[in-house]
N, C-alpha and C. Protein backbone atom coordinates (compact mmCIF):
# COMPACT_ATOMS: atom_id res chain seq x y z
N MET A 1 79.62 79.82 94.88
CA MET A 1 80.39 80.71 95.73
C MET A 1 81.75 80.07 96.02
N LYS A 2 82.80 80.86 95.83
CA LYS A 2 84.15 80.37 96.09
C LYS A 2 84.40 80.24 97.58
N LYS A 3 85.10 79.17 97.96
CA LYS A 3 85.51 78.95 99.35
C LYS A 3 86.98 79.32 99.47
N ILE A 4 87.24 80.30 100.32
CA ILE A 4 88.60 80.82 100.45
C ILE A 4 89.05 80.73 101.90
N ALA A 5 90.15 80.02 102.11
CA ALA A 5 90.81 80.02 103.42
C ALA A 5 91.63 81.30 103.51
N ILE A 6 91.51 82.01 104.62
CA ILE A 6 92.17 83.30 104.75
C ILE A 6 92.72 83.48 106.15
N SER A 7 93.92 84.04 106.24
CA SER A 7 94.51 84.32 107.54
C SER A 7 93.56 85.18 108.36
N ALA A 8 93.25 84.72 109.56
CA ALA A 8 92.26 85.38 110.41
C ALA A 8 92.62 86.82 110.73
N CYS A 9 93.90 87.12 110.84
CA CYS A 9 94.29 88.50 111.15
C CYS A 9 93.85 89.47 110.07
N LEU A 10 93.75 89.00 108.82
CA LEU A 10 93.32 89.85 107.71
C LEU A 10 91.84 90.21 107.82
N LEU A 11 91.10 89.41 108.57
CA LEU A 11 89.67 89.67 108.80
C LEU A 11 89.44 90.59 110.00
N GLY A 12 90.50 90.89 110.71
CA GLY A 12 90.38 91.76 111.88
C GLY A 12 90.48 91.04 113.20
N GLU A 13 90.71 89.73 113.18
CA GLU A 13 90.88 89.00 114.44
C GLU A 13 92.23 89.37 115.04
N LYS A 14 92.24 89.62 116.32
CA LYS A 14 93.45 90.04 117.01
C LYS A 14 94.27 88.82 117.42
N CYS A 15 94.84 88.18 116.41
CA CYS A 15 95.54 86.91 116.63
C CYS A 15 97.02 86.96 116.24
N ARG A 16 97.54 88.15 115.95
CA ARG A 16 98.97 88.26 115.67
C ARG A 16 99.76 88.01 116.95
N TYR A 17 101.05 87.86 116.82
CA TYR A 17 101.91 87.59 117.98
C TYR A 17 101.74 88.65 119.08
N ASP A 18 101.45 89.90 118.69
CA ASP A 18 101.30 90.98 119.67
C ASP A 18 99.82 91.28 119.98
N ALA A 19 98.93 90.35 119.63
CA ALA A 19 97.49 90.45 119.89
C ALA A 19 96.84 91.62 119.14
N THR A 20 97.39 91.96 117.98
CA THR A 20 96.77 92.95 117.11
C THR A 20 96.30 92.22 115.85
N ASP A 21 95.78 92.98 114.89
CA ASP A 21 95.31 92.37 113.65
C ASP A 21 96.00 93.03 112.46
N ASN A 22 95.73 92.50 111.30
CA ASN A 22 96.19 93.06 110.01
C ASN A 22 94.98 93.27 109.11
N LYS A 23 93.88 93.75 109.69
CA LYS A 23 92.64 93.87 108.91
C LYS A 23 92.90 94.61 107.61
N ASN A 24 92.38 94.03 106.53
CA ASN A 24 92.61 94.57 105.20
C ASN A 24 91.25 94.82 104.55
N GLU A 25 90.74 96.04 104.72
CA GLU A 25 89.41 96.40 104.23
C GLU A 25 89.32 96.28 102.70
N ILE A 26 90.35 96.65 102.00
CA ILE A 26 90.33 96.57 100.53
C ILE A 26 90.21 95.12 100.10
N LEU A 27 90.99 94.24 100.71
CA LEU A 27 90.93 92.82 100.40
C LEU A 27 89.54 92.27 100.73
N LEU A 28 89.01 92.63 101.88
CA LEU A 28 87.70 92.12 102.29
C LEU A 28 86.60 92.58 101.34
N GLU A 29 86.70 93.78 100.84
CA GLU A 29 85.73 94.27 99.86
C GLU A 29 85.80 93.42 98.58
N GLN A 30 86.99 93.08 98.16
CA GLN A 30 87.17 92.26 96.96
C GLN A 30 86.63 90.84 97.16
N LEU A 31 86.59 90.39 98.40
CA LEU A 31 86.18 89.02 98.71
C LEU A 31 84.74 88.93 99.21
N LYS A 32 83.99 90.01 99.12
CA LYS A 32 82.65 90.05 99.74
C LYS A 32 81.69 88.98 99.22
N ASP A 33 81.91 88.46 98.02
CA ASP A 33 81.02 87.45 97.47
C ASP A 33 81.53 86.02 97.65
N ALA A 34 82.60 85.87 98.41
CA ALA A 34 83.18 84.55 98.65
C ALA A 34 82.86 84.08 100.08
N GLN A 35 82.92 82.78 100.28
CA GLN A 35 82.80 82.23 101.63
C GLN A 35 84.20 82.21 102.22
N LEU A 36 84.43 83.00 103.27
CA LEU A 36 85.75 83.12 103.88
C LEU A 36 85.84 82.19 105.08
N ILE A 37 86.91 81.40 105.10
CA ILE A 37 87.14 80.44 106.18
C ILE A 37 88.44 80.85 106.87
N PRO A 38 88.34 81.47 108.05
CA PRO A 38 89.54 81.98 108.72
C PRO A 38 90.38 80.87 109.34
N PHE A 39 91.68 81.14 109.42
CA PHE A 39 92.59 80.22 110.10
C PHE A 39 93.70 81.01 110.78
N CYS A 40 94.25 80.46 111.84
CA CYS A 40 95.46 81.00 112.47
C CYS A 40 96.07 79.90 113.32
N PRO A 41 97.00 79.15 112.76
CA PRO A 41 97.59 78.06 113.52
C PRO A 41 98.37 78.53 114.74
N GLU A 42 99.00 79.68 114.65
CA GLU A 42 99.81 80.17 115.78
C GLU A 42 98.94 80.56 116.96
N ASP A 43 97.85 81.29 116.71
CA ASP A 43 96.94 81.67 117.79
C ASP A 43 96.31 80.43 118.41
N PHE A 44 95.89 79.49 117.57
CA PHE A 44 95.28 78.26 118.07
C PHE A 44 96.25 77.51 118.99
N ALA A 45 97.49 77.37 118.56
CA ALA A 45 98.46 76.56 119.30
C ALA A 45 99.06 77.28 120.49
N PHE A 46 99.29 78.60 120.37
CA PHE A 46 100.07 79.31 121.38
C PHE A 46 99.38 80.50 122.00
N GLY A 47 98.20 80.87 121.47
CA GLY A 47 97.48 82.03 122.00
C GLY A 47 98.10 83.34 121.55
N SER A 48 97.45 84.44 121.92
CA SER A 48 97.93 85.78 121.59
C SER A 48 97.77 86.65 122.82
N PRO A 49 98.77 87.43 123.18
CA PRO A 49 100.07 87.56 122.54
C PRO A 49 100.95 86.34 122.80
N ARG A 50 102.05 86.25 122.03
CA ARG A 50 102.99 85.13 122.15
C ARG A 50 104.34 85.61 121.65
N PRO A 51 105.40 84.91 122.02
CA PRO A 51 106.72 85.26 121.48
C PRO A 51 106.76 85.05 119.96
N THR A 52 107.59 85.81 119.30
CA THR A 52 107.75 85.67 117.86
C THR A 52 108.52 84.38 117.55
N MET A 53 108.45 84.00 116.28
CA MET A 53 109.16 82.81 115.82
C MET A 53 109.74 83.09 114.45
N ASP A 54 110.75 82.35 114.09
CA ASP A 54 111.35 82.44 112.77
C ASP A 54 111.43 81.04 112.18
N LEU A 55 111.45 80.98 110.85
CA LEU A 55 111.69 79.72 110.16
C LEU A 55 113.19 79.54 110.02
N LEU A 56 113.69 78.41 110.51
CA LEU A 56 115.10 78.08 110.37
C LEU A 56 115.22 76.85 109.50
N GLU A 57 116.19 76.87 108.60
CA GLU A 57 116.48 75.70 107.76
C GLU A 57 117.43 74.82 108.56
N THR A 58 116.97 73.60 108.83
CA THR A 58 117.79 72.64 109.58
C THR A 58 118.03 71.42 108.70
N GLU A 59 118.78 70.47 109.21
CA GLU A 59 119.01 69.23 108.47
C GLU A 59 117.71 68.49 108.22
N GLU A 60 116.71 68.69 109.08
CA GLU A 60 115.41 68.03 108.93
C GLU A 60 114.42 68.87 108.12
N GLY A 61 114.84 70.01 107.60
CA GLY A 61 113.95 70.88 106.84
C GLY A 61 113.64 72.15 107.62
N SER A 62 112.67 72.93 107.14
CA SER A 62 112.29 74.18 107.80
C SER A 62 111.56 73.90 109.11
N LYS A 63 111.93 74.64 110.13
CA LYS A 63 111.31 74.52 111.45
C LYS A 63 110.95 75.90 111.96
N ALA A 64 109.81 76.01 112.63
CA ALA A 64 109.42 77.25 113.29
C ALA A 64 110.04 77.24 114.68
N ILE A 65 110.94 78.17 114.92
CA ILE A 65 111.69 78.20 116.17
C ILE A 65 111.36 79.47 116.95
N SER A 66 111.03 79.30 118.24
CA SER A 66 110.71 80.43 119.10
C SER A 66 111.92 81.33 119.28
N ASN A 67 111.70 82.63 119.12
CA ASN A 67 112.77 83.60 119.37
C ASN A 67 112.99 83.83 120.86
N LEU A 68 112.08 83.34 121.69
CA LEU A 68 112.22 83.50 123.14
C LEU A 68 113.18 82.47 123.73
N ASN A 69 112.97 81.20 123.35
CA ASN A 69 113.73 80.14 124.02
C ASN A 69 114.31 79.09 123.07
N GLY A 70 114.17 79.28 121.76
CA GLY A 70 114.74 78.34 120.81
C GLY A 70 113.95 77.05 120.64
N GLU A 71 112.75 76.98 121.23
CA GLU A 71 111.92 75.78 121.15
C GLU A 71 111.39 75.59 119.73
N ASP A 72 111.35 74.34 119.29
CA ASP A 72 110.76 74.00 117.98
C ASP A 72 109.24 73.99 118.14
N LEU A 73 108.58 74.89 117.43
CA LEU A 73 107.12 75.06 117.51
C LEU A 73 106.40 74.48 116.30
N SER A 74 107.12 73.76 115.46
CA SER A 74 106.59 73.30 114.18
C SER A 74 105.44 72.32 114.30
N THR A 75 105.55 71.35 115.18
CA THR A 75 104.56 70.27 115.24
C THR A 75 103.13 70.76 115.42
N PRO A 76 102.83 71.63 116.40
CA PRO A 76 101.43 72.07 116.53
C PRO A 76 100.93 72.85 115.32
N ILE A 77 101.81 73.59 114.65
CA ILE A 77 101.40 74.33 113.45
C ILE A 77 101.04 73.36 112.34
N ILE A 78 101.88 72.37 112.13
CA ILE A 78 101.63 71.38 111.08
C ILE A 78 100.40 70.55 111.39
N GLN A 79 100.22 70.18 112.66
CA GLN A 79 99.03 69.42 113.05
C GLN A 79 97.76 70.23 112.79
N TYR A 80 97.78 71.51 113.15
CA TYR A 80 96.63 72.39 112.90
C TYR A 80 96.35 72.45 111.40
N ALA A 81 97.39 72.67 110.60
CA ALA A 81 97.22 72.78 109.15
C ALA A 81 96.63 71.50 108.57
N THR A 82 97.15 70.37 108.98
CA THR A 82 96.65 69.09 108.47
C THR A 82 95.17 68.92 108.78
N LEU A 83 94.80 69.18 110.02
CA LEU A 83 93.40 69.05 110.43
C LEU A 83 92.51 70.07 109.70
N PHE A 84 93.00 71.30 109.56
CA PHE A 84 92.24 72.34 108.87
C PHE A 84 91.92 71.91 107.44
N PHE A 85 92.91 71.41 106.73
CA PHE A 85 92.70 71.04 105.33
C PHE A 85 91.90 69.75 105.19
N GLN A 86 91.93 68.90 106.20
CA GLN A 86 91.05 67.72 106.18
C GLN A 86 89.60 68.16 106.34
N ARG A 87 89.36 69.13 107.21
CA ARG A 87 88.00 69.63 107.45
C ARG A 87 87.48 70.47 106.28
N HIS A 88 88.38 71.13 105.58
CA HIS A 88 88.02 72.03 104.50
C HIS A 88 88.71 71.57 103.22
N SER A 89 88.22 70.47 102.68
CA SER A 89 88.89 69.85 101.54
C SER A 89 88.49 70.46 100.19
N GLU A 90 87.49 71.29 100.17
CA GLU A 90 86.99 71.85 98.91
C GLU A 90 87.31 73.34 98.79
N LEU A 91 88.54 73.71 99.03
CA LEU A 91 88.92 75.12 98.98
C LEU A 91 89.30 75.53 97.56
N ASP A 92 88.90 76.74 97.19
CA ASP A 92 89.25 77.29 95.89
C ASP A 92 90.53 78.13 95.94
N LEU A 93 90.86 78.63 97.15
CA LEU A 93 92.01 79.53 97.28
C LEU A 93 92.45 79.59 98.73
N PHE A 94 93.75 79.79 98.93
CA PHE A 94 94.36 80.01 100.24
C PHE A 94 95.02 81.38 100.18
N ILE A 95 94.59 82.29 101.07
CA ILE A 95 95.22 83.62 101.14
C ILE A 95 95.94 83.70 102.48
N GLY A 96 97.26 83.79 102.41
CA GLY A 96 98.08 83.86 103.62
C GLY A 96 98.55 85.28 103.89
N LYS A 97 98.90 85.52 105.14
CA LYS A 97 99.48 86.81 105.51
C LYS A 97 100.94 86.80 105.10
N ASP A 98 101.28 87.71 104.23
CA ASP A 98 102.64 87.79 103.73
C ASP A 98 103.65 87.87 104.88
N ARG A 99 104.77 87.23 104.67
CA ARG A 99 105.92 87.17 105.57
C ARG A 99 105.71 86.35 106.84
N SER A 100 104.55 85.75 107.01
CA SER A 100 104.29 84.94 108.20
C SER A 100 105.05 83.61 108.11
N PRO A 101 105.66 83.17 109.24
CA PRO A 101 106.33 81.87 109.23
C PRO A 101 105.35 80.70 109.14
N SER A 102 104.08 80.98 109.36
CA SER A 102 103.06 79.93 109.21
C SER A 102 102.34 80.02 107.88
N CYS A 103 101.87 81.20 107.52
CA CYS A 103 100.98 81.28 106.37
C CYS A 103 101.45 82.17 105.24
N GLY A 104 102.66 82.68 105.31
CA GLY A 104 103.22 83.38 104.16
C GLY A 104 103.35 82.41 102.99
N VAL A 105 102.88 82.79 101.82
CA VAL A 105 102.86 81.87 100.68
C VAL A 105 104.18 81.88 99.93
N CYS A 106 104.68 83.04 99.61
CA CYS A 106 105.96 83.11 98.90
C CYS A 106 106.78 84.30 99.39
N SER A 107 106.62 84.61 100.68
CA SER A 107 107.31 85.76 101.24
C SER A 107 107.86 85.51 102.65
N ALA A 108 107.76 84.27 103.11
CA ALA A 108 108.28 83.95 104.45
C ALA A 108 109.81 83.98 104.41
N ARG A 109 110.38 84.46 105.48
CA ARG A 109 111.84 84.52 105.59
C ARG A 109 112.35 83.23 106.24
N VAL A 110 113.40 82.69 105.66
CA VAL A 110 114.03 81.48 106.22
C VAL A 110 115.49 81.82 106.52
N TYR A 111 115.90 81.43 107.73
CA TYR A 111 117.25 81.71 108.22
C TYR A 111 118.01 80.40 108.42
N ASP A 112 119.34 80.51 108.44
CA ASP A 112 120.12 79.35 108.84
C ASP A 112 120.16 79.32 110.37
N GLU A 113 120.82 78.34 110.92
CA GLU A 113 120.80 78.17 112.37
C GLU A 113 121.57 79.27 113.11
N GLU A 114 122.35 80.06 112.39
CA GLU A 114 123.03 81.21 112.99
C GLU A 114 122.24 82.50 112.77
N LYS A 115 121.02 82.37 112.23
CA LYS A 115 120.10 83.49 111.98
C LYS A 115 120.56 84.39 110.83
N ASN A 116 121.30 83.81 109.88
CA ASN A 116 121.61 84.51 108.64
C ASN A 116 120.47 84.26 107.67
N LEU A 117 119.98 85.31 107.02
CA LEU A 117 118.86 85.19 106.09
C LEU A 117 119.29 84.38 104.87
N LEU A 118 118.54 83.31 104.59
CA LEU A 118 118.79 82.48 103.42
C LEU A 118 117.88 82.87 102.26
N SER A 119 116.61 83.19 102.59
CA SER A 119 115.64 83.54 101.56
C SER A 119 114.49 84.30 102.19
N SER A 120 113.90 85.19 101.40
CA SER A 120 112.69 85.89 101.85
C SER A 120 111.54 85.59 100.89
N LYS A 121 111.61 84.44 100.23
CA LYS A 121 110.61 84.08 99.22
C LYS A 121 110.09 82.66 99.43
N GLU A 122 110.00 82.24 100.68
CA GLU A 122 109.61 80.86 100.98
C GLU A 122 108.16 80.80 101.46
N ALA A 123 107.67 79.58 101.58
CA ALA A 123 106.33 79.34 102.11
C ALA A 123 106.44 79.00 103.60
N GLY A 124 105.49 79.55 104.38
CA GLY A 124 105.40 79.19 105.78
C GLY A 124 104.87 77.77 105.92
N LEU A 125 104.86 77.25 107.13
CA LEU A 125 104.51 75.84 107.36
C LEU A 125 103.09 75.49 106.92
N MET A 126 102.11 76.34 107.21
CA MET A 126 100.73 76.04 106.79
C MET A 126 100.58 76.23 105.28
N ALA A 127 101.21 77.25 104.73
CA ALA A 127 101.14 77.46 103.28
C ALA A 127 101.76 76.29 102.53
N LYS A 128 102.83 75.71 103.07
CA LYS A 128 103.43 74.52 102.45
C LYS A 128 102.44 73.38 102.38
N GLU A 129 101.67 73.22 103.45
CA GLU A 129 100.67 72.16 103.49
C GLU A 129 99.58 72.41 102.45
N ALA A 130 99.16 73.66 102.29
CA ALA A 130 98.16 74.00 101.26
C ALA A 130 98.72 73.70 99.86
N LYS A 131 99.96 74.04 99.64
CA LYS A 131 100.58 73.80 98.34
C LYS A 131 100.69 72.30 98.05
N LYS A 132 101.02 71.53 99.09
CA LYS A 132 101.10 70.06 98.93
C LYS A 132 99.77 69.50 98.45
N ARG A 133 98.69 70.13 98.88
CA ARG A 133 97.34 69.67 98.53
C ARG A 133 96.84 70.31 97.22
N ASN A 134 97.73 71.01 96.54
CA ASN A 134 97.41 71.64 95.25
C ASN A 134 96.31 72.68 95.33
N ILE A 135 96.22 73.35 96.47
CA ILE A 135 95.28 74.46 96.63
C ILE A 135 95.97 75.71 96.08
N PRO A 136 95.34 76.45 95.19
CA PRO A 136 95.95 77.70 94.74
C PRO A 136 96.21 78.61 95.95
N CYS A 137 97.40 79.20 96.00
CA CYS A 137 97.82 79.99 97.16
C CYS A 137 98.36 81.34 96.72
N ILE A 138 98.10 82.35 97.56
CA ILE A 138 98.61 83.68 97.27
C ILE A 138 98.78 84.44 98.59
N ASP A 139 99.81 85.29 98.64
CA ASP A 139 99.96 86.20 99.77
C ASP A 139 98.93 87.32 99.64
N ALA A 140 98.43 87.81 100.77
CA ALA A 140 97.43 88.87 100.76
C ALA A 140 97.91 90.09 99.98
N GLU A 141 99.17 90.45 100.13
CA GLU A 141 99.66 91.65 99.45
C GLU A 141 99.72 91.48 97.93
N ASP A 142 99.65 90.26 97.44
CA ASP A 142 99.68 90.01 96.00
C ASP A 142 98.30 89.78 95.40
N PHE A 143 97.28 89.72 96.24
CA PHE A 143 95.92 89.47 95.75
C PHE A 143 95.40 90.67 94.96
N LYS A 144 94.92 90.40 93.79
CA LYS A 144 94.41 91.47 92.93
C LYS A 144 93.02 91.12 92.40
N GLY A 145 92.16 90.70 93.28
CA GLY A 145 90.78 90.40 92.86
C GLY A 145 90.66 89.19 91.97
N LEU A 146 91.25 88.08 92.38
CA LEU A 146 91.25 86.88 91.57
C LEU A 146 89.99 86.04 91.70
N VAL A 147 89.00 86.51 92.46
CA VAL A 147 87.77 85.72 92.62
C VAL A 147 86.76 86.06 91.57
């Protein structure tokens, strides 16, 4: 049985910034024979609901910055991701929620410090950690029954 890390909101957990979900019944049907391991670094670190955040490219690299107060929220997300992948070292696939600053695989938006869009094809902070560990990664919207 394949072990798949999946954004918890896709499973129906109300962990988005506005305390809603992104439940994807079609995706879940395709994954019914896999072991699904949910994750949500943002909900874990900041709860739901919470202020939105954007990825900003800084001199130190990409940072998750709160749209409410400009606070750097990167550290708890990265710490969560590191611990998650240490606990789940035998993953076959990582499915992230597209466009998420944490778990978007190749669709996260990155802005400069003046909030000008630099790219809409980047990896979020947790997806970057999965990629560093050579875990195959895909955005939910791009999943086409790869199990």
